[in-house]
Each structure stands twice: as structure tokens, then as C-alpha cells.
Amino acid sequence: MGKHAYNTSMGKSIKPVTRGLREAIKASGVSRYRIGKDLGISEALLSRFMSGQRGLSLAVLDPLCGYLGLELRKSKRKGA
């Protein structure tokens, strides 16, 4: 589980945070059950997030991103 950054600069298409997070969860090779146990959140919550049925609160996003080694960076937009 390495560091990932979702950068929207340099003309690259914007990857929505939720899609990037879902991809990172899948790519981690760690089960939703294990992630839930390790973070103290329910596997059902992660399952609903993964299927697009619901989002995640910041109280869940912060530890989940840390667990997966993700880093969200803000970059300057061209012309801004």
C-alpha cells in the first residue's frame, strides 16, 4: 500500500476522489472486512460505498486514506 496522489494539474482529466478511493481499496488487496476491522468501521458501510450506494464522512475518509497510504493534494489550476 504505497502513496498515491490524485493530481488534477497539467491538463490531465480529473479523477473524482470517490472513484480514486474505490480503485485504491480494490488495488490494496485488503478485504473490506479487514479494513473495517482495522479501522473500527463496518464492512457494510464500505460495501455500500464501493457499490456507489452511499458516500463516506470525513470521520471515515481521513483514517481510510491514511490506512491506504493515500494523499490528496491541491494543485493550482491553469489561469487561476
C-alpha atoms as a PDB file:
ATOM      1  CA  MET A   1       0.000   0.000   0.000  1.00  0.00           C
ATOM      2  CA  GLY A   2       2.064   2.908  -1.263  1.00  0.00           C
ATOM      3  CA  LYS A   3       1.471   6.619  -1.507  1.00  0.00           C
ATOM      4  CA  HIS A   4      -0.869   7.780  -4.236  1.00  0.00           C
ATOM      5  CA  ALA A   5      -1.726  11.312  -5.235  1.00  0.00           C
ATOM      6  CA  TYR A   6      -4.649  12.340  -7.341  1.00  0.00           C
ATOM      7  CA  ASN A   7      -3.394  15.448  -9.074  1.00  0.00           C
ATOM      8  CA  THR A   8      -5.621  17.403 -11.428  1.00  0.00           C
ATOM      9  CA  SER A   9      -2.952  19.657 -12.926  1.00  0.00           C
ATOM     10  CA  MET A  10      -1.150  19.546 -16.252  1.00  0.00           C
ATOM     11  CA  GLY A  11      -4.229  19.004 -18.383  1.00  0.00           C
ATOM     12  CA  LYS A  12      -4.913  15.529 -17.018  1.00  0.00           C
ATOM     13  CA  SER A  13      -8.514  14.536 -16.644  1.00  0.00           C
ATOM     14  CA  ILE A  14      -9.914  14.986 -13.157  1.00  0.00           C
ATOM     15  CA  LYS A  15     -10.354  11.755 -11.241  1.00  0.00           C
ATOM     16  CA  PRO A  16     -13.166  12.135  -8.733  1.00  0.00           C
ATOM     17  CA  VAL A  17     -11.945  11.427  -5.224  1.00  0.00           C
ATOM     18  CA  THR A  18     -14.550   8.719  -4.626  1.00  0.00           C
ATOM     19  CA  ARG A  19     -13.615   6.835  -7.796  1.00  0.00           C
ATOM     20  CA  GLY A  20      -9.928   7.059  -6.940  1.00  0.00           C
ATOM     21  CA  LEU A  21     -10.605   5.841  -3.413  1.00  0.00           C
ATOM     22  CA  ARG A  22     -12.645   2.882  -4.667  1.00  0.00           C
ATOM     23  CA  GLU A  23      -9.814   1.972  -7.040  1.00  0.00           C
ATOM     24  CA  ALA A  24      -7.265   2.223  -4.216  1.00  0.00           C
ATOM     25  CA  ILE A  25      -9.351  -0.028  -1.961  1.00  0.00           C
ATOM     26  CA  LYS A  26      -9.590  -2.655  -4.709  1.00  0.00           C
ATOM     27  CA  ALA A  27      -5.892  -2.350  -5.574  1.00  0.00           C
ATOM     28  CA  SER A  28      -4.828  -2.681  -1.923  1.00  0.00           C
ATOM     29  CA  GLY A  29      -5.615  -6.389  -1.912  1.00  0.00           C
ATOM     30  CA  VAL A  30      -7.051  -5.997   1.589  1.00  0.00           C
ATOM     31  CA  SER A  31     -10.606  -7.191   2.140  1.00  0.00           C
ATOM     32  CA  ARG A  32     -13.321  -4.731   3.124  1.00  0.00           C
ATOM     33  CA  TYR A  33     -13.857  -6.890   6.215  1.00  0.00           C
ATOM     34  CA  ARG A  34     -10.181  -6.490   7.242  1.00  0.00           C
ATOM     35  CA  ILE A  35     -10.170  -2.746   6.526  1.00  0.00           C
ATOM     36  CA  GLY A  36     -13.344  -2.343   8.570  1.00  0.00           C
ATOM     37  CA  LYS A  37     -11.940  -4.339  11.491  1.00  0.00           C
ATOM     38  CA  ASP A  38      -8.650  -2.440  11.436  1.00  0.00           C
ATOM     39  CA  LEU A  39     -10.398   0.960  11.346  1.00  0.00           C
ATOM     40  CA  GLY A  40     -13.381   0.153  13.553  1.00  0.00           C
ATOM     41  CA  ILE A  41     -15.985   0.707  10.828  1.00  0.00           C
ATOM     42  CA  SER A  42     -18.499  -1.736   9.443  1.00  0.00           C
ATOM     43  CA  GLU A  43     -17.849  -3.810   6.349  1.00  0.00           C
ATOM     44  CA  ALA A  44     -21.427  -2.997   5.325  1.00  0.00           C
ATOM     45  CA  LEU A  45     -20.569   0.715   5.214  1.00  0.00           C
ATOM     46  CA  LEU A  46     -17.570   0.017   2.985  1.00  0.00           C
ATOM     47  CA  SER A  47     -19.644  -2.307   0.827  1.00  0.00           C
ATOM     48  CA  ARG A  48     -22.289   0.386   0.254  1.00  0.00           C
ATOM     49  CA  PHE A  49     -19.544   2.900  -0.561  1.00  0.00           C
ATOM     50  CA  MET A  50     -17.896   0.511  -3.022  1.00  0.00           C
ATOM     51  CA  SER A  51     -21.203  -0.095  -4.803  1.00  0.00           C
ATOM     52  CA  GLY A  52     -21.906   3.638  -5.048  1.00  0.00           C
ATOM     53  CA  GLN A  53     -24.948   3.469  -2.762  1.00  0.00           C
ATOM     54  CA  ARG A  54     -23.509   5.967  -0.282  1.00  0.00           C
ATOM     55  CA  GLY A  55     -20.595   8.245   0.444  1.00  0.00           C
ATOM     56  CA  LEU A  56     -18.255   8.370   3.401  1.00  0.00           C
ATOM     57  CA  SER A  57     -17.970  11.031   6.080  1.00  0.00           C
ATOM     58  CA  LEU A  58     -14.700  12.842   6.720  1.00  0.00           C
ATOM     59  CA  ALA A  59     -14.503  10.956  10.010  1.00  0.00           C
ATOM     60  CA  VAL A  60     -14.158   7.774   7.924  1.00  0.00           C
ATOM     61  CA  LEU A  61     -12.284   9.219   4.936  1.00  0.00           C
ATOM     62  CA  ASP A  62      -9.319  10.545   6.902  1.00  0.00           C
ATOM     63  CA  PRO A  63      -8.395   7.272   8.622  1.00  0.00           C
ATOM     64  CA  LEU A  64      -9.192   5.253   5.486  1.00  0.00           C
ATOM     65  CA  CYS A  65      -6.878   7.377   3.346  1.00  0.00           C
ATOM     66  CA  GLY A  66      -4.162   7.070   5.984  1.00  0.00           C
ATOM     67  CA  TYR A  67      -4.648   3.306   6.115  1.00  0.00           C
ATOM     68  CA  LEU A  68      -4.276   3.047   2.341  1.00  0.00           C
ATOM     69  CA  GLY A  69      -1.329   5.457   2.215  1.00  0.00           C
ATOM     70  CA  LEU A  70      -3.268   7.976   0.119  1.00  0.00           C
ATOM     71  CA  GLU A  71      -2.524  11.664  -0.006  1.00  0.00           C
ATOM     72  CA  LEU A  72      -4.803  14.275  -1.527  1.00  0.00           C
ATOM     73  CA  ARG A  73      -3.013  17.303  -2.890  1.00  0.00           C
ATOM     74  CA  LYS A  74      -4.360  20.581  -4.127  1.00  0.00           C
ATOM     75  CA  SER A  75      -2.714  21.966  -7.210  1.00  0.00           C
ATOM     76  CA  LYS A  76      -3.010  25.316  -8.932  1.00  0.00           C
ATOM     77  CA  ARG A  77      -5.257  25.364 -11.956  1.00  0.00           C
ATOM     78  CA  LYS A  78      -4.038  26.965 -15.125  1.00  0.00           C
ATOM     79  CA  GLY A  79      -5.145  30.560 -15.324  1.00  0.00           C
ATOM     80  CA  ALA A  80      -6.010  30.703 -11.619  1.00  0.00           C
END
